[in-house]
Protein backbone atom coordinates (compact mmCIF):
# COMPACT_ATOMS: atom_id res chain seq x y z
CA MET A 1 156.93 163.57 130.50
CA SER A 2 155.33 160.01 130.87
CA LYS A 3 152.25 160.99 129.41
CA VAL A 4 154.15 162.34 126.57
CA THR A 5 155.73 158.99 126.33
CA ASN A 6 152.76 157.38 126.06
CA MET A 7 151.49 159.30 123.43
CA ASP A 8 154.12 159.00 121.62
CA ASN A 9 154.45 155.02 121.46
CA ASP A 10 150.92 155.13 120.84
CA LYS A 11 151.30 157.03 117.79
CA GLN A 12 154.02 154.91 116.37
CA ASN A 13 152.17 151.62 117.36
CA LYS A 14 148.74 152.99 115.26
CA ASN A 15 151.54 153.90 112.00
CA THR A 16 153.25 150.30 112.69
CA ARG A 17 149.80 148.83 112.55
CA LYS A 18 149.03 150.58 109.39
CA VAL A 19 152.12 149.75 107.44
CA SER A 20 151.80 145.97 108.41
CA GLY A 21 147.90 145.46 107.42
CA LYS A 22 148.95 147.85 103.90
CA ASP A 23 151.68 144.92 103.56
CA THR A 24 149.02 142.31 104.37
CA ASP A 25 146.90 143.48 101.82
CA ARG A 26 149.57 143.63 99.70
CA ASN A 27 150.82 139.92 99.94
CA THR A 28 147.30 139.03 99.91
CA GLU A 29 146.38 140.87 96.78
CA ALA A 30 149.66 139.10 95.47
CA GLY A 31 148.77 135.80 96.58
CA ILE A 32 145.08 135.96 94.70
CA VAL A 33 146.99 137.32 91.75
CA LYS A 34 149.81 134.78 91.80
CA LYS A 35 147.20 131.71 92.34
CA LYS A 36 145.30 133.01 89.18
CA LYS A 37 148.11 133.40 86.97
CA ALA A 38 148.92 129.68 87.66
CA GLU A 39 145.11 128.63 87.14
CA GLN A 40 145.48 130.14 83.66
CA ARG A 41 148.75 128.56 83.18
CA ASN A 42 147.07 125.04 84.09
CA GLY A 43 143.92 126.07 82.12
CA ARG A 44 145.85 125.82 79.07
CA PHE A 45 146.85 121.77 79.31
CA PHE A 46 143.28 121.27 81.19
CA LYS A 47 140.46 122.56 82.05
CA PHE A 48 137.43 121.20 83.28
CA ASP A 49 133.20 121.98 82.75
CA HIS A 50 130.94 121.08 84.88
CA LYS A 51 128.48 122.15 82.21
CA TYR A 52 129.40 120.07 79.55
CA ALA A 53 130.07 117.20 81.99
CA ASN A 54 126.75 117.20 83.07
CA ILE A 55 125.17 116.83 79.23
CA CYS A 56 127.63 114.28 78.65
CA LEU A 57 126.16 111.91 81.43
CA TYR A 58 122.69 112.80 80.16
CA ILE A 59 123.94 111.77 76.67
CA LEU A 60 125.76 108.35 78.61
CA LEU A 61 122.12 107.67 80.12
CA VAL A 62 119.90 108.10 77.56
CA ILE A 63 122.28 105.73 75.42
CA PHE A 64 122.10 103.66 78.11
CA PHE A 65 118.49 103.05 79.11
CA GLY A 66 117.68 103.14 74.88
CA THR A 67 119.26 100.49 74.72
CA ILE A 68 117.85 98.66 77.35
CA ILE A 69 114.58 99.13 76.04
CA TYR A 70 115.35 97.95 72.52
CA MET A 71 116.46 94.98 73.82
CA LEU A 72 113.66 94.51 75.70
CA ILE A 73 111.42 95.47 72.92
CA ASN A 74 113.10 93.13 70.36
CA ASN A 75 113.37 90.57 72.82
CA TRP A 76 109.59 90.62 73.71
CA THR A 77 108.74 86.83 73.89
CA ASP A 78 111.60 86.56 76.56
CA THR A 79 111.13 89.44 78.08
CA LYS A 80 107.28 89.05 78.94
CA GLU A 81 108.22 85.54 79.82
CA PHE A 82 110.70 87.58 82.18
CA ILE A 83 107.86 89.53 83.32
CA TYR A 84 105.40 86.81 83.85
CA ASN A 85 107.68 85.27 85.77
CA LEU A 86 108.96 87.61 88.03
CA PHE A 87 105.30 88.80 88.71
CA GLY A 88 105.13 85.39 89.80
CA VAL A 89 107.79 85.18 91.96
CA LEU A 90 106.78 88.65 93.40
CA SER A 91 103.23 87.43 93.96
CA PRO A 92 102.91 86.71 97.32
CA PHE A 93 104.46 90.61 98.06
CA PHE A 94 101.09 91.78 95.91
CA ALA A 95 98.92 89.91 97.68
CA ALA A 96 100.31 91.04 100.77
CA VAL A 97 99.99 94.55 99.93
CA LEU A 98 96.00 93.74 99.25
CA ILE A 99 95.63 92.45 102.39
CA ALA A 100 97.12 95.25 104.34
CA TYR A 101 95.19 97.66 102.68
CA PHE A 102 92.12 95.54 104.10
CA VAL A 103 92.98 94.84 107.22
CA SER A 104 95.01 98.12 108.14
CA PRO A 105 91.43 99.93 108.53
CA ILE A 106 90.50 97.10 110.83
CA VAL A 107 93.72 97.48 113.27
CA VAL A 108 92.83 101.35 113.22
CA LYS A 109 89.03 100.29 114.47
CA TYR A 110 90.13 98.13 116.58
CA GLN A 111 92.88 99.89 118.34
CA GLY A 112 90.53 103.01 119.21
CA LEU A 113 88.33 100.85 120.88
CA ILE A 114 91.18 99.07 123.06
CA LEU A 115 92.68 102.43 123.75
CA LYS A 116 89.23 103.99 124.40
CA TYR A 117 87.73 101.67 125.92
CA ILE A 118 90.05 98.87 127.56
CA THR A 119 93.76 100.49 128.08
CA LYS A 120 92.31 103.81 128.70
CA GLY A 121 94.84 105.70 126.15
CA GLY A 122 97.81 103.75 127.86
CA HIS A 123 99.87 100.94 126.53
CA LYS A 124 99.71 101.84 123.08
CA LYS A 125 102.34 99.12 121.96
CA LEU A 126 99.89 96.21 123.07
CA ALA A 127 96.92 98.17 122.13
CA LYS A 128 98.00 97.93 118.73
CA VAL A 129 99.75 94.00 118.92
CA LEU A 130 95.62 93.06 120.43
CA ALA A 131 94.17 95.62 117.36
CA MET A 132 96.20 93.24 114.59
CA VAL A 133 95.61 89.72 116.43
CA PHE A 134 91.67 91.04 116.65
CA ALA A 135 91.84 92.34 112.83
CA TYR A 136 93.44 89.22 111.64
CA ILE A 137 91.05 87.03 113.50
CA THR A 138 88.09 88.82 111.54
CA PHE A 139 89.72 88.72 108.33
CA VAL A 140 90.95 84.99 108.22
CA GLY A 141 87.33 84.32 109.94
CA PHE A 142 85.67 85.86 107.26
CA ILE A 143 87.64 84.07 104.59
CA ILE A 144 86.68 80.65 106.29
CA ILE A 145 83.52 80.89 106.62
CA ALA A 146 83.33 81.56 103.02
CA PHE A 147 84.85 78.53 102.34
CA VAL A 148 83.16 76.61 104.71
CA PHE A 149 79.37 77.71 103.57
CA VAL A 150 80.04 79.79 100.14
CA ILE A 151 82.47 77.37 98.53
CA PRO A 152 80.62 74.39 99.17
CA GLN A 153 77.42 75.71 98.04
CA THR A 154 78.72 76.86 95.02
CA GLY A 155 80.25 73.38 94.07
CA GLU A 156 77.06 72.18 94.58
CA SER A 157 75.57 74.06 92.12
CA ILE A 158 78.06 73.96 89.61
CA SER A 159 77.78 70.03 90.41
CA GLU A 160 73.70 70.44 89.76
CA LEU A 161 74.18 72.58 86.67
CA ALA A 162 76.88 69.87 85.15
CA SER A 163 74.59 67.47 85.15
CA ASN A 164 71.43 69.56 83.56
CA VAL A 165 73.51 69.80 80.47
CA PRO A 166 72.11 67.33 78.36
CA ALA A 167 68.28 68.67 79.59
CA PHE A 168 69.47 72.14 78.81
CA TYR A 169 70.53 70.86 75.44
CA SER A 170 67.98 69.36 74.44
CA HIS A 171 65.85 72.30 76.07
CA ILE A 172 67.73 74.24 73.63
CA LEU A 173 67.11 72.65 70.60
CA LYS A 174 63.04 72.05 71.02
CA TRP A 175 62.73 75.79 71.69
CA LEU A 176 64.66 76.21 68.31
CA LYS A 177 62.75 73.61 66.97
CA GLU A 178 59.36 75.60 68.11
CA LEU A 179 60.68 78.76 66.96
CA HIS A 180 61.62 77.56 63.67
CA GLN A 181 57.72 76.24 62.76
CA LYS A 182 56.42 79.69 64.15
CA TYR A 183 59.24 81.64 61.93
CA PRO A 184 59.77 80.15 58.82
CA ALA A 185 61.95 82.46 57.42
CA ILE A 186 64.34 82.17 60.41
CA ASP A 187 67.13 80.17 59.45
CA VAL A 188 67.97 78.35 62.47
CA ASN A 189 69.90 75.08 61.18
CA MET A 190 73.47 77.08 61.52
CA VAL A 191 72.85 77.21 65.56
CA THR A 192 72.04 72.93 65.31
CA ASP A 193 74.30 72.20 63.10
CA ARG A 194 76.90 74.34 65.82
CA LEU A 195 75.57 72.78 69.21
CA ASN A 196 76.01 68.94 67.41
CA GLU A 197 79.64 70.04 66.85
CA MET A 198 80.14 70.99 70.59
CA VAL A 199 78.40 68.31 71.79
CA PRO A 200 81.53 65.33 70.84
CA ASP A 201 83.77 67.89 71.84
CA ILE A 202 82.23 68.19 75.38
CA VAL A 203 82.57 64.42 75.00
CA ASP A 204 85.95 63.96 74.06
CA TYR A 205 86.73 66.81 76.95
CA GLY A 206 85.63 64.45 79.32
CA THR A 207 87.16 61.46 78.28
CA ASN A 208 90.57 62.89 78.20
CA ILE A 209 90.12 64.12 81.84
CA VAL A 210 89.40 60.64 82.50
CA GLY A 211 92.06 59.20 80.84
CA ASN A 212 94.56 61.93 82.04
CA ILE A 213 93.04 62.21 86.08
CA VAL A 214 95.76 60.53 88.13
CA PRO A 215 98.40 63.98 86.35
CA MET A 216 95.31 66.35 86.64
CA ILE A 217 94.98 65.81 90.61
CA PHE A 218 98.44 65.63 91.24
CA SER A 219 98.96 68.81 89.16
CA VAL A 220 96.10 70.27 91.23
CA SER A 221 97.46 69.25 94.53
CA VAL A 222 101.07 70.74 93.56
CA SER A 223 98.99 74.14 92.87
CA ILE A 224 97.01 74.35 95.90
CA VAL A 225 100.39 73.63 97.90
CA ARG A 226 101.55 76.11 96.30
CA GLY A 227 98.77 78.40 96.87
CA LEU A 228 98.55 77.54 100.09
CA VAL A 229 102.29 78.66 101.07
CA ASN A 230 101.92 81.67 98.94
CA ILE A 231 98.65 82.83 101.04
CA LEU A 232 100.32 81.63 104.38
CA LEU A 233 103.26 83.92 102.89
CA ALA A 234 101.35 87.31 102.21
CA LEU A 235 99.66 87.11 105.24
CA PHE A 236 103.42 87.09 107.48
CA ILE A 237 104.62 89.83 104.85
CA SER A 238 101.43 91.62 105.50
CA VAL A 239 101.30 91.46 109.20
CA TYR A 240 105.09 93.19 109.07
CA MET A 241 103.69 95.39 106.72
CA ILE A 242 101.22 96.91 109.05
CA ASN A 243 103.48 96.02 111.90
CA GLY A 244 106.50 98.42 110.47
CA LYS A 245 104.03 101.11 108.55
CA ASP A 246 105.05 104.16 110.69
CA LEU A 247 108.92 102.79 110.22
CA PHE A 248 108.84 102.12 106.34
CA ARG A 249 106.97 105.83 106.10
CA TYR A 250 109.72 107.44 107.92
CA GLN A 251 112.26 105.93 105.75
CA ALA A 252 110.45 106.91 102.68
CA LYS A 253 110.66 110.26 104.35
CA ARG A 254 114.21 110.23 104.82
CA LEU A 255 115.04 109.58 101.25
CA VAL A 256 112.83 112.04 99.58
CA TYR A 257 114.05 114.63 101.78
CA ALA A 258 117.96 113.49 101.69
CA LEU A 259 117.05 113.97 97.61
CA PHE A 260 115.27 117.37 97.70
CA GLU A 261 115.13 120.76 99.34
CA GLU A 262 112.24 120.76 102.14
CA GLU A 263 109.69 122.61 99.93
CA LYS A 264 110.11 120.19 97.78
CA GLY A 265 109.71 117.43 99.82
CA ASP A 266 106.92 118.12 101.53
CA VAL A 267 104.79 118.40 98.10
CA ILE A 268 106.28 114.95 97.44
CA CYS A 269 105.36 113.18 100.43
CA ASP A 270 101.74 114.65 100.75
CA THR A 271 101.32 113.89 96.55
CA PHE A 272 101.87 110.20 97.65
CA ARG A 273 99.77 110.81 100.96
CA GLU A 274 96.71 111.44 98.92
CA CYS A 275 97.17 108.80 96.13
CA ASN A 276 97.45 106.51 98.82
CA ASP A 277 94.17 107.93 99.76
CA ILE A 278 92.51 107.82 96.47
CA PHE A 279 93.97 103.75 96.00
CA SER A 280 92.69 102.56 99.27
CA ALA A 281 89.43 104.24 99.23
CA PHE A 282 88.85 102.78 96.27
CA LEU A 283 89.34 99.72 96.85
CA ILE A 284 88.27 98.94 100.57
CA SER A 285 85.08 100.65 99.66
CA LYS A 286 84.28 99.46 96.36
CA ALA A 287 84.89 95.38 98.33
CA VAL A 288 82.26 96.88 100.76
CA ASP A 289 80.07 97.64 98.18
CA SER A 290 79.88 94.26 96.15
CA LEU A 291 80.00 92.42 99.47
CA ILE A 292 77.06 93.68 100.25
CA ILE A 293 75.23 93.61 96.82
CA GLY A 294 76.16 89.74 96.56
CA CYS A 295 74.33 89.49 99.79
CA ILE A 296 71.56 91.41 99.04
CA CYS A 297 71.18 89.67 95.66
CA CYS A 298 71.26 86.03 97.85
CA VAL A 299 68.68 86.70 99.72
CA LEU A 300 66.35 88.39 97.02
CA MET A 301 66.82 85.21 94.73
CA ASN A 302 66.20 82.60 98.01
CA ILE A 303 62.88 85.09 98.41
CA LEU A 304 61.88 84.99 94.87
CA ARG A 305 62.87 80.81 94.63
CA LEU A 306 65.33 81.28 92.16
CA PRO A 307 67.74 78.37 91.92
CA TYR A 308 71.71 78.47 92.19
CA SER A 309 71.02 81.40 94.30
CA VAL A 310 74.50 81.34 96.05
CA LEU A 311 76.78 80.83 92.79
CA ILE A 312 74.66 83.63 90.71
CA SER A 313 75.24 86.13 94.07
CA VAL A 314 78.80 84.84 93.91
CA ILE A 315 79.46 85.75 90.39
CA VAL A 316 77.38 88.82 90.74
CA GLY A 317 79.36 90.14 94.03
CA ILE A 318 82.57 89.86 92.19
CA THR A 319 81.69 91.14 89.12
CA ASN A 320 80.02 94.25 90.84
CA MET A 321 83.84 95.19 91.66
CA ILE A 322 84.31 96.33 88.22
CA PRO A 323 82.70 99.75 87.33
CA TYR A 324 80.32 100.03 85.02
CA PHE A 325 80.14 97.23 83.34
CA GLY A 326 80.39 94.51 86.11
CA PRO A 327 76.79 94.41 86.74
CA PHE A 328 76.20 93.19 83.07
CA ILE A 329 78.88 90.96 83.26
CA GLY A 330 77.63 89.61 86.49
CA ALA A 331 73.40 89.48 85.08
CA VAL A 332 75.02 87.57 81.66
CA PRO A 333 75.27 84.00 83.47
CA GLY A 334 72.45 83.85 85.63
CA ALA A 335 70.58 84.92 82.48
CA LEU A 336 71.36 82.54 80.00
CA ILE A 337 71.46 79.72 82.73
CA TYR A 338 67.74 80.73 83.93
CA LEU A 339 67.05 80.92 79.57
CA CYS A 340 68.06 76.98 79.31
CA THR A 341 65.82 76.27 82.45
CA SER A 342 62.64 78.81 82.15
CA PRO A 343 61.88 81.81 80.34
CA LYS A 344 59.78 83.16 83.14
CA GLN A 345 63.01 82.98 86.16
CA THR A 346 64.86 84.65 83.46
CA ILE A 347 62.31 87.92 83.52
CA ILE A 348 62.10 87.75 87.36
CA PHE A 349 66.03 87.52 87.28
CA VAL A 350 66.85 90.10 85.07
CA ILE A 351 64.33 92.57 86.59
CA MET A 352 65.69 92.16 89.89
CA ILE A 353 69.59 92.95 89.01
CA LEU A 354 68.32 95.94 87.30
CA ILE A 355 66.44 96.99 90.30
CA LEU A 356 69.33 95.81 92.55
CA GLN A 357 71.92 98.22 90.50
CA GLN A 358 69.80 101.15 90.43
CA PHE A 359 69.87 100.81 94.36
CA ASP A 360 73.69 100.14 94.60
CA GLY A 361 73.84 103.56 91.83
CA LEU A 362 72.04 105.64 93.34
CA VAL A 363 71.74 104.69 97.00
CA LEU A 364 74.29 102.46 98.41
CA GLY A 365 77.76 103.41 96.00
CA PRO A 366 77.64 107.23 96.60
CA ARG A 367 77.14 106.44 100.02
CA LEU A 368 80.21 104.23 100.43
CA LEU A 369 82.68 105.58 97.14
CA GLY A 370 81.76 108.93 97.44
CA GLN A 371 84.59 110.62 94.98
CA SER A 372 87.11 108.16 95.96
CA THR A 373 87.96 108.41 92.19
CA GLY A 374 86.73 111.81 90.54
CA LEU A 375 87.36 110.27 87.52
CA ASN A 376 85.31 110.65 84.06
CA PRO A 377 83.18 107.67 83.06
CA MET A 378 85.34 108.20 79.64
CA TRP A 379 88.54 107.26 81.84
CA VAL A 380 86.96 104.83 83.90
CA ILE A 381 85.91 102.97 80.46
CA PHE A 382 89.62 103.72 79.34
CA ALA A 383 91.26 101.73 82.27
CA ILE A 384 88.67 98.79 82.42
CA THR A 385 89.19 98.28 78.50
CA VAL A 386 92.92 98.53 79.07
CA GLY A 387 92.92 96.70 82.23
CA GLY A 388 90.92 93.96 81.29
CA ALA A 389 93.18 93.30 77.85
CA TYR A 390 96.38 93.00 79.34
CA PHE A 391 95.12 91.72 83.28
CA GLY A 392 92.15 89.92 82.80
CA VAL A 393 89.67 90.82 85.62
CA LEU A 394 92.22 91.70 87.80
CA GLY A 395 93.09 94.40 85.81
CA MET A 396 89.36 95.69 84.95
CA PHE A 397 89.02 96.69 88.68
CA ILE A 398 92.73 97.66 89.13
CA GLY A 399 93.14 99.75 86.50
CA VAL A 400 90.61 101.88 87.60
CA PRO A 401 92.23 103.11 91.41
CA VAL A 402 95.32 103.31 88.79
CA VAL A 403 94.00 105.51 86.39
CA ALA A 404 92.56 107.63 89.01
CA VAL A 405 96.14 108.11 90.52
CA ALA A 406 97.54 108.90 87.08
CA GLY A 407 94.82 111.31 86.62
CA PHE A 408 95.10 113.05 89.90
CA LEU A 409 99.24 113.41 89.42
CA ALA A 410 98.73 114.80 85.96
CA ASN A 411 96.09 117.00 87.19
CA LYS A 412 98.80 118.43 90.06
CA PHE A 413 101.59 118.47 87.88
CA ILE A 414 99.21 120.82 85.10
CA LYS A 415 97.97 122.86 87.85
CA TYR A 416 101.85 123.54 88.99
CA LYS A 417 102.41 124.87 85.71
CA LEU A 418 99.61 126.95 85.09
CA GLN A 419 100.25 128.53 88.68
CA GLY A 420 100.50 132.87 88.27
CA ARG A 421 99.66 132.34 84.59
CA ASP A 422 96.48 134.44 83.61
CA ILE A 423 95.29 132.57 80.46
CA LYS A 424 92.39 134.23 78.51
CA ALA A 425 90.94 130.92 77.50
CA LEU A 426 91.11 129.09 80.44
CA LYS A 427 89.31 131.62 82.53
CA GLU A 428 86.36 131.75 79.98
CA TRP A 429 85.95 128.04 79.91
CA GLU A 430 85.97 128.07 83.78
CA GLN A 431 83.67 130.84 83.73
CA ALA A 432 81.23 129.02 81.11
CA GLU A 433 81.53 125.70 83.36
């Protein structure tokens, strides 16, 4: 009897659960229907569409930034002055970035040597501190050597050139007279008149300098002090940049991964790393290449007994930082100086520069630079032209790695857009190449 009673109780419980389950389902369905009806009633008065809200937001942003750009262009004089002042204020930070680019590889080399031979793989923080100390001693020592040995000799050469200006002037007039006697058809009067006009201007310029010597000394002193302060500030900022390089990299990655998904974040981080490698490789390699070329030029000029060797070697080394046009720009001042003193020295100097630049282009440059930019020569010329027009000599040098980075980003974007697409015209070109 007990078994029968238990079975009846189980059946009743199951039936009760089924009934309650159905009631629950009905209640749930009824709740959903009521909720939908309530939303429909509320929607009669107000309906929020995220799609149209985003479109409105984009339109407002376009209008806002368009208005700002219009105001900046409309008041271009004030805008340009503001940009120049901003660059002046931020110049220590830009200089710190350049110093960090040059010093960072030295720190890595020293740190590797210290870990290998001194700390035996341990005390990594101590090894990094010692590496930074040695790297900055090397960097500052190189600058001191330049100031102690190179700059005084360069100043002496400039003073000697200034004192020889009257002799150069007489030599040019004599050479023009002889040229006119040999070739009467050549009209040298225009050149002679122009030189005679330049001499009083030079004298007046010298007189004005003498008359305004006290204000000029004060202005130069203020500029020197300000420059020294900016240099010291840039050195300190570069120390913090190199020391906190890993932290800055981590913070940048946090920002990227906070804004983008992990896959896109990986692509963005890899892209920025490759851009940095392109920029730093060109900057450091070209600086080392120009330093070597300047030293070789100085040694060759001393062997050939050419005067003003330090001054002209400095000019050749600095201008060699500019691809393609640099060698020609560096050779022009030396050729003009020697043309005023001795045509024979001019020919020797020009031949020496041609041989030196061939050595740089065929042997030294490819070993140091390699394919650091990967730019077509046309784009290099474009970068030099535009950079020089807007930012002078520094723009001619910096413009090349900037355009190289822009070209790399454009090529990466185009590859991403063409991925998976079968375009016959592109395949024919690739096969032909």
